[in-house]
């Protein structure tokens, strides 16, 4: 199954905003369970994508979901890069 069509759903500005919100949630809200963060970012991604779109379609909602969840993966990638540089 070819899933490359998912890359067409990325909304970079939504991903960057969600990345920043996730960072704030992770570092400033100490009592929050980390399992909640991807769910919150997915919801925020959908809201931002719908606000930025002229019409709300299923594709816009999916783009918001993908971008919100991708920001979680992007954070983990940055974290791995930074930790590897500290270990050298």
PDB file of N, CA and C in Angstrom:
ATOM      1  N   UNK A   1       0.839  -1.182   0.000  1.00  0.00           N
ATOM      2  CA  UNK A   1       0.000   0.000   0.000  1.00  0.00           C
ATOM      3  C   UNK A   1       0.882   1.242   0.000  1.00  0.00           C
ATOM      4  N   UNK A   2       0.595   2.136  -0.894  1.00  0.00           N
ATOM      5  CA  UNK A   2       1.382   3.361  -1.046  1.00  0.00           C
ATOM      6  C   UNK A   2       0.736   4.481  -0.229  1.00  0.00           C
ATOM      7  N   UNK A   3       1.445   4.951   0.769  1.00  0.00           N
ATOM      8  CA  UNK A   3       0.914   5.999   1.644  1.00  0.00           C
ATOM      9  C   UNK A   3       1.567   7.357   1.398  1.00  0.00           C
ATOM     10  N   UNK A   4       2.188   7.548   0.245  1.00  0.00           N
ATOM     11  CA  UNK A   4       2.861   8.813  -0.038  1.00  0.00           C
ATOM     12  C   UNK A   4       1.882   9.976  -0.185  1.00  0.00           C
ATOM     13  N   UNK A   5       0.609   9.686  -0.395  1.00  0.00           N
ATOM     14  CA  UNK A   5      -0.378  10.764  -0.502  1.00  0.00           C
ATOM     15  C   UNK A   5      -0.490  11.549   0.802  1.00  0.00           C
ATOM     16  N   UNK A   6      -0.070  10.955   1.907  1.00  0.00           N
ATOM     17  CA  UNK A   6      -0.148  11.644   3.200  1.00  0.00           C
ATOM     18  C   UNK A   6       0.753  12.870   3.212  1.00  0.00           C
ATOM     19  N   UNK A   7       1.861  12.828   2.488  1.00  0.00           N
ATOM     20  CA  UNK A   7       2.764  13.974   2.462  1.00  0.00           C
ATOM     21  C   UNK A   7       2.105  15.199   1.836  1.00  0.00           C
ATOM     22  N   UNK A   8       1.070  15.012   1.042  1.00  0.00           N
ATOM     23  CA  UNK A   8       0.347  16.143   0.457  1.00  0.00           C
ATOM     24  C   UNK A   8      -0.549  16.842   1.474  1.00  0.00           C
ATOM     25  N   UNK A   9      -0.769  16.219   2.612  1.00  0.00           N
ATOM     26  CA  UNK A   9      -1.666  16.778   3.619  1.00  0.00           C
ATOM     27  C   UNK A   9      -0.956  17.677   4.627  1.00  0.00           C
ATOM     28  N   UNK A  10       0.374  17.674   4.629  1.00  0.00           N
ATOM     29  CA  UNK A  10       1.105  18.490   5.600  1.00  0.00           C
ATOM     30  C   UNK A  10       0.826  19.972   5.391  1.00  0.00           C
ATOM     31  N   UNK A  11       0.548  20.657   6.485  1.00  0.00           N
ATOM     32  CA  UNK A  11       0.388  22.108   6.482  1.00  0.00           C
ATOM     33  C   UNK A  11       1.510  22.660   7.356  1.00  0.00           C
ATOM     34  N   UNK A  12       2.586  23.167   6.745  1.00  0.00           N
ATOM     35  CA  UNK A  12       3.775  23.544   7.521  1.00  0.00           C
ATOM     36  C   UNK A  12       3.507  24.549   8.637  1.00  0.00           C
ATOM     37  N   UNK A  13       2.685  25.551   8.393  1.00  0.00           N
ATOM     38  CA  UNK A  13       2.447  26.556   9.437  1.00  0.00           C
ATOM     39  C   UNK A  13       1.706  25.949  10.619  1.00  0.00           C
ATOM     40  N   UNK A  14       0.775  25.045  10.344  1.00  0.00           N
ATOM     41  CA  UNK A  14       0.054  24.361  11.419  1.00  0.00           C
ATOM     42  C   UNK A  14       1.020  23.474  12.199  1.00  0.00           C
ATOM     43  N   UNK A  15       1.926  22.809  11.492  1.00  0.00           N
ATOM     44  CA  UNK A  15       2.890  21.942  12.155  1.00  0.00           C
ATOM     45  C   UNK A  15       3.813  22.747  13.070  1.00  0.00           C
ATOM     46  N   UNK A  16       4.260  23.908  12.629  1.00  0.00           N
ATOM     47  CA  UNK A  16       5.159  24.736  13.445  1.00  0.00           C
ATOM     48  C   UNK A  16       4.428  25.259  14.688  1.00  0.00           C
ATOM     49  N   UNK A  17       3.192  25.708  14.517  1.00  0.00           N
ATOM     50  CA  UNK A  17       2.425  26.197  15.664  1.00  0.00           C
ATOM     51  C   UNK A  17       2.191  25.070  16.664  1.00  0.00           C
ATOM     52  N   UNK A  18       1.819  23.893  16.166  1.00  0.00           N
ATOM     53  CA  UNK A  18       1.601  22.749  17.052  1.00  0.00           C
ATOM     54  C   UNK A  18       2.893  22.326  17.741  1.00  0.00           C
ATOM     55  N   UNK A  19       4.011  22.416  17.043  1.00  0.00           N
ATOM     56  CA  UNK A  19       5.308  22.095  17.647  1.00  0.00           C
ATOM     57  C   UNK A  19       5.588  23.026  18.824  1.00  0.00           C
ATOM     58  N   UNK A  20       5.312  24.302  18.649  1.00  0.00           N
ATOM     59  CA  UNK A  20       5.526  25.280  19.719  1.00  0.00           C
ATOM     60  C   UNK A  20       4.573  25.039  20.900  1.00  0.00           C
ATOM     61  N   UNK A  21       3.312  24.774  20.595  1.00  0.00           N
ATOM     62  CA  UNK A  21       2.338  24.501  21.660  1.00  0.00           C
ATOM     63  C   UNK A  21       2.729  23.235  22.419  1.00  0.00           C
ATOM     64  N   UNK A  22       3.146  22.203  21.706  1.00  0.00           N
ATOM     65  CA  UNK A  22       3.585  20.966  22.352  1.00  0.00           C
ATOM     66  C   UNK A  22       4.804  21.177  23.231  1.00  0.00           C
ATOM     67  N   UNK A  23       5.730  22.002  22.768  1.00  0.00           N
ATOM     68  CA  UNK A  23       6.917  22.308  23.573  1.00  0.00           C
ATOM     69  C   UNK A  23       6.518  23.000  24.873  1.00  0.00           C
ATOM     70  N   UNK A  24       5.631  23.962  24.770  1.00  0.00           N
ATOM     71  CA  UNK A  24       5.167  24.678  25.960  1.00  0.00           C
ATOM     72  C   UNK A  24       4.453  23.717  26.909  1.00  0.00           C
ATOM     73  N   UNK A  25       3.592  22.869  26.357  1.00  0.00           N
ATOM     74  CA  UNK A  25       2.879  21.906  27.197  1.00  0.00           C
ATOM     75  C   UNK A  25       3.853  20.963  27.903  1.00  0.00           C
ATOM     76  N   UNK A  26       4.865  20.522  27.209  1.00  0.00           N
ATOM     77  CA  UNK A  26       5.823  19.567  27.768  1.00  0.00           C
ATOM     78  C   UNK A  26       6.669  20.190  28.875  1.00  0.00           C
ATOM     79  N   UNK A  27       7.091  21.445  28.679  1.00  0.00           N
ATOM     80  CA  UNK A  27       8.047  22.037  29.603  1.00  0.00           C
ATOM     81  C   UNK A  27       7.431  22.941  30.666  1.00  0.00           C
ATOM     82  N   UNK A  28       6.239  23.442  30.458  1.00  0.00           N
ATOM     83  CA  UNK A  28       5.651  24.346  31.437  1.00  0.00           C
ATOM     84  C   UNK A  28       4.545  23.705  32.259  1.00  0.00           C
ATOM     85  N   UNK A  29       3.889  22.709  31.743  1.00  0.00           N
ATOM     86  CA  UNK A  29       2.806  22.052  32.465  1.00  0.00           C
ATOM     87  C   UNK A  29       3.313  20.719  32.998  1.00  0.00           C
ATOM     88  N   UNK A  30       3.939  20.749  34.153  1.00  0.00           N
ATOM     89  CA  UNK A  30       4.622  19.581  34.701  1.00  0.00           C
ATOM     90  C   UNK A  30       3.655  18.470  35.123  1.00  0.00           C
ATOM     91  N   UNK A  31       2.441  18.821  35.526  1.00  0.00           N
ATOM     92  CA  UNK A  31       1.496  17.819  36.010  1.00  0.00           C
ATOM     93  C   UNK A  31       0.765  17.095  34.886  1.00  0.00           C
ATOM     94  N   UNK A  32       0.964  17.522  33.643  1.00  0.00           N
ATOM     95  CA  UNK A  32       0.254  16.921  32.510  1.00  0.00           C
ATOM     96  C   UNK A  32       0.911  15.608  32.093  1.00  0.00           C
ATOM     97  N   UNK A  33       0.087  14.611  31.830  1.00  0.00           N
ATOM     98  CA  UNK A  33       0.577  13.328  31.341  1.00  0.00           C
ATOM     99  C   UNK A  33       1.001  13.480  29.880  1.00  0.00           C
ATOM    100  N   UNK A  34       2.165  12.958  29.534  1.00  0.00           N
ATOM    101  CA  UNK A  34       2.685  13.093  28.164  1.00  0.00           C
ATOM    102  C   UNK A  34       1.820  12.402  27.126  1.00  0.00           C
ATOM    103  N   UNK A  35       1.001  11.458  27.536  1.00  0.00           N
ATOM    104  CA  UNK A  35       0.135  10.747  26.602  1.00  0.00           C
ATOM    105  C   UNK A  35      -0.948  11.655  26.020  1.00  0.00           C
ATOM    106  N   UNK A  36      -1.248  12.741  26.694  1.00  0.00           N
ATOM    107  CA  UNK A  36      -2.306  13.656  26.266  1.00  0.00           C
ATOM    108  C   UNK A  36      -1.826  14.589  25.155  1.00  0.00           C
ATOM    109  N   UNK A  37      -0.547  14.872  25.112  1.00  0.00           N
ATOM    110  CA  UNK A  37      -0.011  15.882  24.206  1.00  0.00           C
ATOM    111  C   UNK A  37      -0.327  15.596  22.732  1.00  0.00           C
ATOM    112  N   UNK A  38      -0.118  14.385  22.199  1.00  0.00           N
ATOM    113  CA  UNK A  38      -0.450  14.159  20.786  1.00  0.00           C
ATOM    114  C   UNK A  38      -1.937  14.376  20.475  1.00  0.00           C
ATOM    115  N   UNK A  39      -2.795  14.002  21.404  1.00  0.00           N
ATOM    116  CA  UNK A  39      -4.233  14.197  21.193  1.00  0.00           C
ATOM    117  C   UNK A  39      -4.576  15.675  21.144  1.00  0.00           C
ATOM    118  N   UNK A  40      -4.019  16.436  22.065  1.00  0.00           N
ATOM    119  CA  UNK A  40      -4.269  17.876  22.096  1.00  0.00           C
ATOM    120  C   UNK A  40      -3.733  18.534  20.824  1.00  0.00           C
ATOM    121  N   UNK A  41      -2.557  18.121  20.373  1.00  0.00           N
ATOM    122  CA  UNK A  41      -1.974  18.711  19.171  1.00  0.00           C
ATOM    123  C   UNK A  41      -2.771  18.343  17.927  1.00  0.00           C
ATOM    124  N   UNK A  42      -3.333  17.148  17.893  1.00  0.00           N
ATOM    125  CA  UNK A  42      -4.185  16.767  16.765  1.00  0.00           C
ATOM    126  C   UNK A  42      -5.426  17.656  16.721  1.00  0.00           C
ATOM    127  N   UNK A  43      -6.022  17.913  17.866  1.00  0.00           N
ATOM    128  CA  UNK A  43      -7.215  18.771  17.931  1.00  0.00           C
ATOM    129  C   UNK A  43      -6.867  20.202  17.548  1.00  0.00           C
ATOM    130  N   UNK A  44      -5.758  20.706  18.069  1.00  0.00           N
ATOM    131  CA  UNK A  44      -5.324  22.061  17.717  1.00  0.00           C
ATOM    132  C   UNK A  44      -5.011  22.150  16.228  1.00  0.00           C
ATOM    133  N   UNK A  45      -4.398  21.117  15.669  1.00  0.00           N
ATOM    134  CA  UNK A  45      -4.103  21.092  14.245  1.00  0.00           C
ATOM    135  C   UNK A  45      -5.366  21.181  13.400  1.00  0.00           C
ATOM    136  N   UNK A  46      -6.397  20.452  13.787  1.00  0.00           N
ATOM    137  CA  UNK A  46      -7.671  20.505  13.057  1.00  0.00           C
ATOM    138  C   UNK A  46      -8.282  21.893  13.155  1.00  0.00           C
ATOM    139  N   UNK A  47      -8.269  22.471  14.349  1.00  0.00           N
ATOM    140  CA  UNK A  47      -8.848  23.805  14.539  1.00  0.00           C
ATOM    141  C   UNK A  47      -8.108  24.837  13.689  1.00  0.00           C
ATOM    142  N   UNK A  48      -6.777  24.800  13.718  1.00  0.00           N
ATOM    143  CA  UNK A  48      -5.998  25.766  12.942  1.00  0.00           C
ATOM    144  C   UNK A  48      -6.194  25.576  11.442  1.00  0.00           C
ATOM    145  N   UNK A  49      -6.249  24.326  10.996  1.00  0.00           N
ATOM    146  CA  UNK A  49      -6.454  24.067   9.566  1.00  0.00           C
ATOM    147  C   UNK A  49      -7.827  24.570   9.119  1.00  0.00           C
ATOM    148  N   UNK A  50      -8.825  24.385   9.952  1.00  0.00           N
ATOM    149  CA  UNK A  50     -10.174  24.852   9.610  1.00  0.00           C
ATOM    150  C   UNK A  50     -10.253  26.375   9.612  1.00  0.00           C
ATOM    151  N   UNK A  51      -9.529  27.016  10.537  1.00  0.00           N
ATOM    152  CA  UNK A  51      -9.508  28.478  10.560  1.00  0.00           C
ATOM    153  C   UNK A  51      -8.812  29.045   9.327  1.00  0.00           C
ATOM    154  N   UNK A  52      -7.811  28.345   8.820  1.00  0.00           N
ATOM    155  CA  UNK A  52      -7.053  28.832   7.676  1.00  0.00           C
ATOM    156  C   UNK A  52      -7.662  28.487   6.330  1.00  0.00           C
ATOM    157  N   UNK A  53      -8.664  27.646   6.319  1.00  0.00           N
ATOM    158  CA  UNK A  53      -9.259  27.218   5.054  1.00  0.00           C
ATOM    159  C   UNK A  53     -10.483  28.058   4.715  1.00  0.00           C
ATOM    160  N   UNK A  54     -10.743  28.188   3.431  1.00  0.00           N
ATOM    161  CA  UNK A  54     -11.930  28.913   2.996  1.00  0.00           C
ATOM    162  C   UNK A  54     -13.186  28.086   3.249  1.00  0.00           C
ATOM    163  N   UNK A  55     -13.099  26.800   2.968  1.00  0.00           N
ATOM    164  CA  UNK A  55     -14.205  25.884   3.242  1.00  0.00           C
ATOM    165  C   UNK A  55     -13.672  24.691   4.018  1.00  0.00           C
ATOM    166  N   UNK A  56     -14.470  24.192   4.928  1.00  0.00           N
ATOM    167  CA  UNK A  56     -14.064  23.052   5.735  1.00  0.00           C
ATOM    168  C   UNK A  56     -14.464  21.776   4.999  1.00  0.00           C
ATOM    169  N   UNK A  57     -13.451  21.020   4.629  1.00  0.00           N
ATOM    170  CA  UNK A  57     -13.670  19.750   3.950  1.00  0.00           C
ATOM    171  C   UNK A  57     -12.970  18.645   4.740  1.00  0.00           C
ATOM    172  N   UNK A  58     -13.228  17.439   4.357  1.00  0.00           N
ATOM    173  CA  UNK A  58     -12.577  16.304   5.000  1.00  0.00           C
ATOM    174  C   UNK A  58     -11.066  16.357   4.789  1.00  0.00           C
ATOM    175  N   UNK A  59     -10.647  16.853   3.643  1.00  0.00           N
ATOM    176  CA  UNK A  59      -9.217  16.973   3.360  1.00  0.00           C
ATOM    177  C   UNK A  59      -8.551  17.995   4.286  1.00  0.00           C
ATOM    178  N   UNK A  60      -9.241  19.081   4.587  1.00  0.00           N
ATOM    179  CA  UNK A  60      -8.704  20.094   5.502  1.00  0.00           C
ATOM    180  C   UNK A  60      -8.579  19.508   6.904  1.00  0.00           C
ATOM    181  N   UNK A  61      -9.597  18.787   7.342  1.00  0.00           N
ATOM    182  CA  UNK A  61      -9.564  18.161   8.666  1.00  0.00           C
ATOM    183  C   UNK A  61      -8.431  17.139   8.737  1.00  0.00           C
ATOM    184  N   UNK A  62      -8.285  16.324   7.706  1.00  0.00           N
ATOM    185  CA  UNK A  62      -7.207  15.331   7.684  1.00  0.00           C
ATOM    186  C   UNK A  62      -5.843  16.012   7.674  1.00  0.00           C
ATOM    187  N   UNK A  63      -5.718  17.104   6.938  1.00  0.00           N
ATOM    188  CA  UNK A  63      -4.461  17.848   6.922  1.00  0.00           C
ATOM    189  C   UNK A  63      -4.109  18.398   8.289  1.00  0.00           C
ATOM    190  N   UNK A  64      -5.106  18.882   9.017  1.00  0.00           N
ATOM    191  CA  UNK A  64      -4.871  19.371  10.374  1.00  0.00           C
ATOM    192  C   UNK A  64      -4.450  18.259  11.313  1.00  0.00           C
ATOM    193  N   UNK A  65      -5.108  17.114  11.197  1.00  0.00           N
ATOM    194  CA  UNK A  65      -4.740  15.962  12.024  1.00  0.00           C
ATOM    195  C   UNK A  65      -3.311  15.509  11.747  1.00  0.00           C
ATOM    196  N   UNK A  66      -2.992  15.364  10.481  1.00  0.00           N
ATOM    197  CA  UNK A  66      -1.652  14.905  10.091  1.00  0.00           C
ATOM    198  C   UNK A  66      -0.602  15.907  10.547  1.00  0.00           C
ATOM    199  N   UNK A  67      -0.858  17.183  10.370  1.00  0.00           N
ATOM    200  CA  UNK A  67       0.123  18.205  10.751  1.00  0.00           C
ATOM    201  C   UNK A  67       0.299  18.273  12.262  1.00  0.00           C
ATOM    202  N   UNK A  68      -0.797  18.178  13.001  1.00  0.00           N
ATOM    203  CA  UNK A  68      -0.706  18.200  14.462  1.00  0.00           C
ATOM    204  C   UNK A  68       0.073  17.014  15.000  1.00  0.00           C
ATOM    205  N   UNK A  69      -0.211  15.837  14.468  1.00  0.00           N
ATOM    206  CA  UNK A  69       0.495  14.641  14.922  1.00  0.00           C
ATOM    207  C   UNK A  69       1.940  14.620  14.419  1.00  0.00           C
ATOM    208  N   UNK A  70       2.188  15.173  13.245  1.00  0.00           N
ATOM    209  CA  UNK A  70       3.553  15.222  12.719  1.00  0.00           C
ATOM    210  C   UNK A  70       4.444  16.114  13.574  1.00  0.00           C
ATOM    211  N   UNK A  71       3.859  17.111  14.203  1.00  0.00           N
ATOM    212  CA  UNK A  71       4.660  17.977  15.070  1.00  0.00           C
ATOM    213  C   UNK A  71       5.207  17.195  16.263  1.00  0.00           C
ATOM    214  N   UNK A  72       4.459  16.191  16.726  1.00  0.00           N
ATOM    215  CA  UNK A  72       4.956  15.331  17.803  1.00  0.00           C
ATOM    216  C   UNK A  72       6.172  14.535  17.328  1.00  0.00           C
ATOM    217  N   UNK A  73       6.087  13.979  16.138  1.00  0.00           N
ATOM    218  CA  UNK A  73       7.214  13.243  15.578  1.00  0.00           C
ATOM    219  C   UNK A  73       8.412  14.133  15.307  1.00  0.00           C
ATOM    220  N   UNK A  74       8.138  15.362  14.868  1.00  0.00           N
ATOM    221  CA  UNK A  74       9.222  16.314  14.611  1.00  0.00           C
ATOM    222  C   UNK A  74       9.947  16.658  15.915  1.00  0.00           C
ATOM    223  N   UNK A  75       9.196  16.826  16.990  1.00  0.00           N
ATOM    224  CA  UNK A  75       9.802  17.092  18.291  1.00  0.00           C
ATOM    225  C   UNK A  75      10.709  15.939  18.707  1.00  0.00           C
ATOM    226  N   UNK A  76      10.237  14.717  18.504  1.00  0.00           N
ATOM    227  CA  UNK A  76      11.048  13.554  18.874  1.00  0.00           C
ATOM    228  C   UNK A  76      12.316  13.466  18.021  1.00  0.00           C
ATOM    229  N   UNK A  77      12.221  13.821  16.761  1.00  0.00           N
ATOM    230  CA  UNK A  77      13.403  13.809  15.889  1.00  0.00           C
ATOM    231  C   UNK A  77      14.428  14.841  16.357  1.00  0.00           C
ATOM    232  N   UNK A  78      13.962  16.053  16.677  1.00  0.00           N
ATOM    233  CA  UNK A  78      14.867  17.081  17.197  1.00  0.00           C
ATOM    234  C   UNK A  78      15.510  16.617  18.508  1.00  0.00           C
ATOM    235  N   UNK A  79      14.714  16.008  19.350  1.00  0.00           N
ATOM    236  CA  UNK A  79      15.212  15.534  20.646  1.00  0.00           C
ATOM    237  C   UNK A  79      16.318  14.501  20.452  1.00  0.00           C
ATOM    238  N   UNK A  80      16.138  13.569  19.520  1.00  0.00           N
ATOM    239  CA  UNK A  80      17.153  12.558  19.254  1.00  0.00           C
ATOM    240  C   UNK A  80      18.448  13.188  18.722  1.00  0.00           C
ATOM    241  N   UNK A  81      18.318  14.164  17.840  1.00  0.00           N
ATOM    242  CA  UNK A  81      19.495  14.834  17.281  1.00  0.00           C
ATOM    243  C   UNK A  81      20.257  15.570  18.378  1.00  0.00           C
ATOM    244  N   UNK A  82      19.531  16.287  19.229  1.00  0.00           N
ATOM    245  CA  UNK A  82      20.175  17.058  20.295  1.00  0.00           C
ATOM    246  C   UNK A  82      20.843  16.133  21.300  1.00  0.00           C
ATOM    247  N   UNK A  83      20.176  15.053  21.682  1.00  0.00           N
ATOM    248  CA  UNK A  83      20.763  14.134  22.655  1.00  0.00           C
ATOM    249  C   UNK A  83      21.989  13.428  22.097  1.00  0.00           C
ATOM    250  N   UNK A  84      21.995  13.116  20.805  1.00  0.00           N
ATOM    251  CA  UNK A  84      23.170  12.484  20.207  1.00  0.00           C
ATOM    252  C   UNK A  84      24.354  13.430  20.163  1.00  0.00           C
ATOM    253  N   UNK A  85      24.102  14.714  19.969  1.00  0.00           N
ATOM    254  CA  UNK A  85      25.198  15.690  19.930  1.00  0.00           C
ATOM    255  C   UNK A  85      25.770  15.889  21.330  1.00  0.00           C
ATOM    256  N   UNK A  86      24.924  15.831  22.363  1.00  0.00           N
ATOM    257  CA  UNK A  86      25.413  15.980  23.731  1.00  0.00           C
ATOM    258  C   UNK A  86      26.268  14.787  24.145  1.00  0.00           C
ATOM    259  N   UNK A  87      25.970  13.620  23.616  1.00  0.00           N
ATOM    260  CA  UNK A  87      26.692  12.409  23.967  1.00  0.00           C
ATOM    261  C   UNK A  87      28.050  12.282  23.320  1.00  0.00           C
ATOM    262  N   UNK A  88      28.304  13.060  22.303  1.00  0.00           N
ATOM    263  CA  UNK A  88      29.593  12.975  21.587  1.00  0.00           C
ATOM    264  C   UNK A  88      30.711  13.602  22.337  1.00  0.00           C
TER     265      UNK A  88
END
